[in-house]
Amino acid sequence: MLDRSYHSGPKSSAVIVDQGFLVSSAVTAQVHDDGLVLLHRTRGLVFTANRMGARIWDAISKQQMLRSIASELSREYDVPTQQILDDASRFLRELHHNGLIEGGGIS
């Protein structure tokens, strides 16, 4: 979902499903029809994400839990909830790794 080459490998979504996240104060986000653009102002980096990434970003910026947004997206896109959770967990790990979000029990 993020247009960066970082991948942390397969990890369980259970670790971060019920954890809260905070958007880094150094990040500016712009949602548009095709997805999301994130600017990390202190690092000078730009990240992009697709529409699904934009929906997840919106949910975490409102401090919603991943499980609730995954259930909603599962119904909307007719995709198994576990698949959404797994994909969203990878996306959140990438956001965390790049300093765009904090928390979530990610180490």
Foldseek 3Di string as FASTA:
>chain_A
DKPDPDFPDQDALVLQQFKAKEFDPQWDWDADPFFIWIARNVVRDIITDGNLLRQLVVCRNVRHGNQVSLVVVCVVVVNDSRVSSRVVSRVVVVCVVVPRMDIRNDD
